[in-house]
Amino acid sequence: VEIGGKWDLNDALTLTAAIFDNERSNFRVASNEPGVPEQQLDGTSSVRGVALGAAGRIGERWSMFANYTY
């Protein structure tokens, strides 16, 4: 699940933001047991966070891009 937005503040600056909650099943994990294949499809993974971004122009010939994800 992810939801976000994009805002064009003026011709020179664009801001983005998103929050997310990703879940995976059948994640490959090490078995750590002799005689069993090295990886099994029985793990799970969960990632939650926020992503922020900015893009804009600095003068006529310079552009700036910045992103942060937590």
PDB file of N, CA and C in Angstrom:
ATOM      1  N   VAL A   1       0.858  -1.167   0.000  1.00  0.00           N
ATOM      2  CA  VAL A   1       0.000   0.000   0.000  1.00  0.00           C
ATOM      3  C   VAL A   1       0.900   1.225   0.000  1.00  0.00           C
ATOM      4  N   GLU A   2       0.595   2.162  -0.866  1.00  0.00           N
ATOM      5  CA  GLU A   2       1.357   3.407  -0.919  1.00  0.00           C
ATOM      6  C   GLU A   2       0.419   4.536  -1.329  1.00  0.00           C
ATOM      7  N   ILE A   3       0.598   5.679  -0.705  1.00  0.00           N
ATOM      8  CA  ILE A   3      -0.162   6.870  -1.067  1.00  0.00           C
ATOM      9  C   ILE A   3       0.787   8.058  -1.036  1.00  0.00           C
ATOM     10  N   GLY A   4       0.617   8.956  -1.992  1.00  0.00           N
ATOM     11  CA  GLY A   4       1.519  10.099  -2.044  1.00  0.00           C
ATOM     12  C   GLY A   4       0.932  11.238  -2.834  1.00  0.00           C
ATOM     13  N   GLY A   5       1.722  12.290  -2.917  1.00  0.00           N
ATOM     14  CA  GLY A   5       1.282  13.465  -3.642  1.00  0.00           C
ATOM     15  C   GLY A   5       2.444  14.217  -4.237  1.00  0.00           C
ATOM     16  N   LYS A   6       2.117  15.084  -5.176  1.00  0.00           N
ATOM     17  CA  LYS A   6       3.125  15.900  -5.852  1.00  0.00           C
ATOM     18  C   LYS A   6       2.583  17.318  -5.916  1.00  0.00           C
ATOM     19  N   TRP A   7       3.419  18.283  -5.562  1.00  0.00           N
ATOM     20  CA  TRP A   7       3.015  19.676  -5.547  1.00  0.00           C
ATOM     21  C   TRP A   7       3.988  20.503  -6.370  1.00  0.00           C
ATOM     22  N   ASP A   8       3.470  21.193  -7.371  1.00  0.00           N
ATOM     23  CA  ASP A   8       4.250  22.145  -8.159  1.00  0.00           C
ATOM     24  C   ASP A   8       4.026  23.516  -7.537  1.00  0.00           C
ATOM     25  N   LEU A   9       5.007  23.985  -6.763  1.00  0.00           N
ATOM     26  CA  LEU A   9       4.848  25.257  -6.066  1.00  0.00           C
ATOM     27  C   LEU A   9       4.977  26.452  -6.996  1.00  0.00           C
ATOM     28  N   ASN A  10       5.836  26.345  -7.972  1.00  0.00           N
ATOM     29  CA  ASN A  10       5.971  27.366  -9.010  1.00  0.00           C
ATOM     30  C   ASN A  10       6.706  26.721 -10.171  1.00  0.00           C
ATOM     31  N   ASP A  11       7.136  27.492 -11.129  1.00  0.00           N
ATOM     32  CA  ASP A  11       7.822  26.910 -12.282  1.00  0.00           C
ATOM     33  C   ASP A  11       9.185  26.337 -11.932  1.00  0.00           C
ATOM     34  N   ALA A  12       9.711  26.639 -10.746  1.00  0.00           N
ATOM     35  CA  ALA A  12      11.074  26.238 -10.418  1.00  0.00           C
ATOM     36  C   ALA A  12      11.165  25.179  -9.325  1.00  0.00           C
ATOM     37  N   LEU A  13      10.069  24.818  -8.635  1.00  0.00           N
ATOM     38  CA  LEU A  13      10.168  23.890  -7.511  1.00  0.00           C
ATOM     39  C   LEU A  13       8.999  22.915  -7.496  1.00  0.00           C
ATOM     40  N   THR A  14       9.336  21.605  -7.393  1.00  0.00           N
ATOM     41  CA  THR A  14       8.347  20.541  -7.264  1.00  0.00           C
ATOM     42  C   THR A  14       8.671  19.721  -6.028  1.00  0.00           C
ATOM     43  N   LEU A  15       7.675  19.457  -5.177  1.00  0.00           N
ATOM     44  CA  LEU A  15       7.838  18.638  -3.974  1.00  0.00           C
ATOM     45  C   LEU A  15       7.001  17.375  -4.093  1.00  0.00           C
ATOM     46  N   THR A  16       7.531  16.269  -3.574  1.00  0.00           N
ATOM     47  CA  THR A  16       6.794  15.007  -3.557  1.00  0.00           C
ATOM     48  C   THR A  16       6.870  14.412  -2.160  1.00  0.00           C
ATOM     49  N   ALA A  17       5.846  13.634  -1.810  1.00  0.00           N
ATOM     50  CA  ALA A  17       5.816  12.943  -0.524  1.00  0.00           C
ATOM     51  C   ALA A  17       4.979  11.677  -0.676  1.00  0.00           C
ATOM     52  N   ALA A  18       5.380  10.620   0.027  1.00  0.00           N
ATOM     53  CA  ALA A  18       4.627   9.368  -0.003  1.00  0.00           C
ATOM     54  C   ALA A  18       4.855   8.617   1.300  1.00  0.00           C
ATOM     55  N   ILE A  19       3.829   7.904   1.731  1.00  0.00           N
ATOM     56  CA  ILE A  19       3.980   6.960   2.844  1.00  0.00           C
ATOM     57  C   ILE A  19       3.661   5.580   2.295  1.00  0.00           C
ATOM     58  N   PHE A  20       4.307   4.550   2.837  1.00  0.00           N
ATOM     59  CA  PHE A  20       4.123   3.209   2.293  1.00  0.00           C
ATOM     60  C   PHE A  20       4.193   2.151   3.383  1.00  0.00           C
ATOM     61  N   ASP A  21       3.541   1.028   3.097  1.00  0.00           N
ATOM     62  CA  ASP A  21       3.530  -0.154   3.960  1.00  0.00           C
ATOM     63  C   ASP A  21       3.515  -1.368   3.033  1.00  0.00           C
ATOM     64  N   ASN A  22       4.669  -1.979   2.842  1.00  0.00           N
ATOM     65  CA  ASN A  22       4.817  -3.102   1.919  1.00  0.00           C
ATOM     66  C   ASN A  22       5.043  -4.396   2.690  1.00  0.00           C
ATOM     67  N   GLU A  23       4.317  -5.442   2.337  1.00  0.00           N
ATOM     68  CA  GLU A  23       4.467  -6.759   2.957  1.00  0.00           C
ATOM     69  C   GLU A  23       4.747  -7.770   1.853  1.00  0.00           C
ATOM     70  N   ARG A  24       5.701  -8.668   2.111  1.00  0.00           N
ATOM     71  CA  ARG A  24       6.026  -9.740   1.166  1.00  0.00           C
ATOM     72  C   ARG A  24       5.917 -11.072   1.880  1.00  0.00           C
ATOM     73  N   SER A  25       5.391 -12.063   1.176  1.00  0.00           N
ATOM     74  CA  SER A  25       5.379 -13.424   1.699  1.00  0.00           C
ATOM     75  C   SER A  25       6.170 -14.294   0.731  1.00  0.00           C
ATOM     76  N   ASN A  26       6.435 -15.525   1.126  1.00  0.00           N
ATOM     77  CA  ASN A  26       7.280 -16.425   0.338  1.00  0.00           C
ATOM     78  C   ASN A  26       8.638 -15.797   0.054  1.00  0.00           C
ATOM     79  N   PHE A  27       9.167 -15.138   1.057  1.00  0.00           N
ATOM     80  CA  PHE A  27      10.469 -14.485   0.982  1.00  0.00           C
ATOM     81  C   PHE A  27      11.558 -15.536   1.154  1.00  0.00           C
ATOM     82  N   ARG A  28      12.598 -15.479   0.361  1.00  0.00           N
ATOM     83  CA  ARG A  28      13.681 -16.477   0.454  1.00  0.00           C
ATOM     84  C   ARG A  28      14.516 -16.230   1.708  1.00  0.00           C
ATOM     85  N   VAL A  29      14.640 -17.282   2.531  1.00  0.00           N
ATOM     86  CA  VAL A  29      15.451 -17.219   3.737  1.00  0.00           C
ATOM     87  C   VAL A  29      16.359 -18.436   3.788  1.00  0.00           C
ATOM     88  N   ALA A  30      17.501 -18.294   4.464  1.00  0.00           N
ATOM     89  CA  ALA A  30      18.440 -19.408   4.616  1.00  0.00           C
ATOM     90  C   ALA A  30      17.841 -20.463   5.532  1.00  0.00           C
ATOM     91  N   SER A  31      18.025 -21.762   5.194  1.00  0.00           N
ATOM     92  CA  SER A  31      17.450 -22.837   6.003  1.00  0.00           C
ATOM     93  C   SER A  31      18.298 -23.121   7.247  1.00  0.00           C
ATOM     94  N   ASN A  32      19.618 -22.956   7.157  1.00  0.00           N
ATOM     95  CA  ASN A  32      20.544 -23.238   8.267  1.00  0.00           C
ATOM     96  C   ASN A  32      20.450 -24.664   8.786  1.00  0.00           C
ATOM     97  N   GLU A  33      19.991 -25.603   7.940  1.00  0.00           N
ATOM     98  CA  GLU A  33      19.912 -27.006   8.323  1.00  0.00           C
ATOM     99  C   GLU A  33      20.653 -27.849   7.296  1.00  0.00           C
ATOM    100  N   PRO A  34      21.479 -28.786   7.775  1.00  0.00           N
ATOM    101  CA  PRO A  34      22.164 -29.672   6.823  1.00  0.00           C
ATOM    102  C   PRO A  34      21.153 -30.539   6.074  1.00  0.00           C
ATOM    103  N   GLY A  35      21.398 -30.780   4.795  1.00  0.00           N
ATOM    104  CA  GLY A  35      20.529 -31.624   3.994  1.00  0.00           C
ATOM    105  C   GLY A  35      19.297 -30.921   3.443  1.00  0.00           C
ATOM    106  N   VAL A  36      19.111 -29.657   3.783  1.00  0.00           N
ATOM    107  CA  VAL A  36      17.977 -28.893   3.279  1.00  0.00           C
ATOM    108  C   VAL A  36      18.540 -27.837   2.332  1.00  0.00           C
ATOM    109  N   PRO A  37      17.890 -27.621   1.204  1.00  0.00           N
ATOM    110  CA  PRO A  37      18.406 -26.593   0.284  1.00  0.00           C
ATOM    111  C   PRO A  37      18.679 -25.275   1.006  1.00  0.00           C
ATOM    112  N   GLU A  38      19.642 -24.532   0.490  1.00  0.00           N
ATOM    113  CA  GLU A  38      20.099 -23.317   1.176  1.00  0.00           C
ATOM    114  C   GLU A  38      19.008 -22.289   1.410  1.00  0.00           C
ATOM    115  N   GLN A  39      18.083 -22.138   0.476  1.00  0.00           N
ATOM    116  CA  GLN A  39      17.052 -21.121   0.634  1.00  0.00           C
ATOM    117  C   GLN A  39      15.666 -21.745   0.564  1.00  0.00           C
ATOM    118  N   GLN A  40      14.789 -21.278   1.415  1.00  0.00           N
ATOM    119  CA  GLN A  40      13.406 -21.732   1.461  1.00  0.00           C
ATOM    120  C   GLN A  40      12.490 -20.532   1.208  1.00  0.00           C
ATOM    121  N   LEU A  41      11.308 -20.784   0.666  1.00  0.00           N
ATOM    122  CA  LEU A  41      10.336 -19.718   0.410  1.00  0.00           C
ATOM    123  C   LEU A  41       9.305 -19.676   1.533  1.00  0.00           C
ATOM    124  N   ASP A  42       9.756 -19.415   2.747  1.00  0.00           N
ATOM    125  CA  ASP A  42       8.803 -19.400   3.852  1.00  0.00           C
ATOM    126  C   ASP A  42       9.001 -18.210   4.779  1.00  0.00           C
ATOM    127  N   GLY A  43       9.699 -17.213   4.352  1.00  0.00           N
ATOM    128  CA  GLY A  43       9.892 -16.032   5.179  1.00  0.00           C
ATOM    129  C   GLY A  43       8.910 -14.934   4.813  1.00  0.00           C
ATOM    130  N   THR A  44       8.873 -13.914   5.637  1.00  0.00           N
ATOM    131  CA  THR A  44       8.065 -12.731   5.355  1.00  0.00           C
ATOM    132  C   THR A  44       8.924 -11.491   5.532  1.00  0.00           C
ATOM    133  N   SER A  45       8.513 -10.417   4.910  1.00  0.00           N
ATOM    134  CA  SER A  45       9.238  -9.158   5.002  1.00  0.00           C
ATOM    135  C   SER A  45       8.220  -8.024   5.058  1.00  0.00           C
ATOM    136  N   SER A  46       8.503  -7.026   5.881  1.00  0.00           N
ATOM    137  CA  SER A  46       7.619  -5.875   6.010  1.00  0.00           C
ATOM    138  C   SER A  46       8.465  -4.608   6.002  1.00  0.00           C
ATOM    139  N   VAL A  47       8.035  -3.633   5.213  1.00  0.00           N
ATOM    140  CA  VAL A  47       8.738  -2.353   5.135  1.00  0.00           C
ATOM    141  C   VAL A  47       7.703  -1.242   5.239  1.00  0.00           C
ATOM    142  N   ARG A  48       7.905  -0.336   6.189  1.00  0.00           N
ATOM    143  CA  ARG A  48       7.040   0.825   6.351  1.00  0.00           C
ATOM    144  C   ARG A  48       7.909   2.066   6.345  1.00  0.00           C
ATOM    145  N   GLY A  49       7.415   3.142   5.753  1.00  0.00           N
ATOM    146  CA  GLY A  49       8.232   4.349   5.762  1.00  0.00           C
ATOM    147  C   GLY A  49       7.598   5.511   5.052  1.00  0.00           C
ATOM    148  N   VAL A  50       8.438   6.496   4.844  1.00  0.00           N
ATOM    149  CA  VAL A  50       8.034   7.732   4.181  1.00  0.00           C
ATOM    150  C   VAL A  50       9.137   8.119   3.199  1.00  0.00           C
ATOM    151  N   ALA A  51       8.736   8.685   2.066  1.00  0.00           N
ATOM    152  CA  ALA A  51       9.692   9.167   1.064  1.00  0.00           C
ATOM    153  C   ALA A  51       9.354  10.620   0.753  1.00  0.00           C
ATOM    154  N   LEU A  52      10.376  11.465   0.760  1.00  0.00           N
ATOM    155  CA  LEU A  52      10.216  12.888   0.477  1.00  0.00           C
ATOM    156  C   LEU A  52      11.165  13.280  -0.651  1.00  0.00           C
ATOM    157  N   GLY A  53      10.742  14.187  -1.504  1.00  0.00           N
ATOM    158  CA  GLY A  53      11.602  14.602  -2.604  1.00  0.00           C
ATOM    159  C   GLY A  53      11.379  16.052  -2.982  1.00  0.00           C
ATOM    160  N   ALA A  54      12.418  16.626  -3.568  1.00  0.00           N
ATOM    161  CA  ALA A  54      12.356  17.996  -4.067  1.00  0.00           C
ATOM    162  C   ALA A  54      13.153  18.068  -5.365  1.00  0.00           C
ATOM    163  N   ALA A  55      12.634  18.789  -6.314  1.00  0.00           N
ATOM    164  CA  ALA A  55      13.332  19.000  -7.580  1.00  0.00           C
ATOM    165  C   ALA A  55      13.072  20.441  -8.014  1.00  0.00           C
ATOM    166  N   GLY A  56      14.123  21.070  -8.510  1.00  0.00           N
ATOM    167  CA  GLY A  56      13.936  22.451  -8.924  1.00  0.00           C
ATOM    168  C   GLY A  56      15.104  22.995  -9.697  1.00  0.00           C
ATOM    169  N   ARG A  57      14.946  24.204 -10.134  1.00  0.00           N
ATOM    170  CA  ARG A  57      15.991  24.896 -10.874  1.00  0.00           C
ATOM    171  C   ARG A  57      16.641  25.928  -9.970  1.00  0.00           C
ATOM    172  N   ILE A  58      17.955  26.000 -10.083  1.00  0.00           N
ATOM    173  CA  ILE A  58      18.733  27.022  -9.379  1.00  0.00           C
ATOM    174  C   ILE A  58      19.407  27.839 -10.472  1.00  0.00           C
ATOM    175  N   GLY A  59      18.847  28.937 -10.817  1.00  0.00           N
ATOM    176  CA  GLY A  59      19.379  29.722 -11.925  1.00  0.00           C
ATOM    177  C   GLY A  59      18.915  29.166 -13.255  1.00  0.00           C
ATOM    178  N   GLU A  60      19.549  29.613 -14.321  1.00  0.00           N
ATOM    179  CA  GLU A  60      19.140  29.191 -15.657  1.00  0.00           C
ATOM    180  C   GLU A  60      19.744  27.866 -16.084  1.00  0.00           C
ATOM    181  N   ARG A  61      20.939  27.520 -15.558  1.00  0.00           N
ATOM    182  CA  ARG A  61      21.639  26.342 -16.061  1.00  0.00           C
ATOM    183  C   ARG A  61      21.872  25.271 -15.005  1.00  0.00           C
ATOM    184  N   TRP A  62      21.312  25.400 -13.829  1.00  0.00           N
ATOM    185  CA  TRP A  62      21.526  24.426 -12.770  1.00  0.00           C
ATOM    186  C   TRP A  62      20.191  23.849 -12.298  1.00  0.00           C
ATOM    187  N   SER A  63      20.190  22.555 -12.030  1.00  0.00           N
ATOM    188  CA  SER A  63      19.014  21.879 -11.470  1.00  0.00           C
ATOM    189  C   SER A  63      19.412  21.178 -10.184  1.00  0.00           C
ATOM    190  N   MET A  64      18.458  20.991  -9.297  1.00  0.00           N
ATOM    191  CA  MET A  64      18.708  20.350  -8.015  1.00  0.00           C
ATOM    192  C   MET A  64      17.675  19.243  -7.821  1.00  0.00           C
ATOM    193  N   PHE A  65      18.130  18.085  -7.354  1.00  0.00           N
ATOM    194  CA  PHE A  65      17.269  16.966  -7.024  1.00  0.00           C
ATOM    195  C   PHE A  65      17.668  16.445  -5.645  1.00  0.00           C
ATOM    196  N   ALA A  66      16.713  16.267  -4.754  1.00  0.00           N
ATOM    197  CA  ALA A  66      17.006  15.750  -3.413  1.00  0.00           C
ATOM    198  C   ALA A  66      15.900  14.761  -3.040  1.00  0.00           C
ATOM    199  N   ASN A  67      16.294  13.636  -2.431  1.00  0.00           N
ATOM    200  CA  ASN A  67      15.345  12.621  -1.982  1.00  0.00           C
ATOM    201  C   ASN A  67      15.765  12.110  -0.604  1.00  0.00           C
ATOM    202  N   TYR A  68      14.777  11.780   0.201  1.00  0.00           N
ATOM    203  CA  TYR A  68      15.025  11.198   1.516  1.00  0.00           C
ATOM    204  C   TYR A  68      13.988  10.105   1.745  1.00  0.00           C
ATOM    205  N   THR A  69      14.430   8.940   2.181  1.00  0.00           N
ATOM    206  CA  THR A  69      13.533   7.848   2.510  1.00  0.00           C
ATOM    207  C   THR A  69      13.858   7.333   3.891  1.00  0.00           C
ATOM    208  N   TYR A  70      12.830   7.183   4.704  1.00  0.00           N
ATOM    209  CA  TYR A  70      13.009   6.637   6.054  1.00  0.00           C
ATOM    210  C   TYR A  70      12.145   5.416   6.182  1.00  0.00           C
TER     211      TYR A  70
END
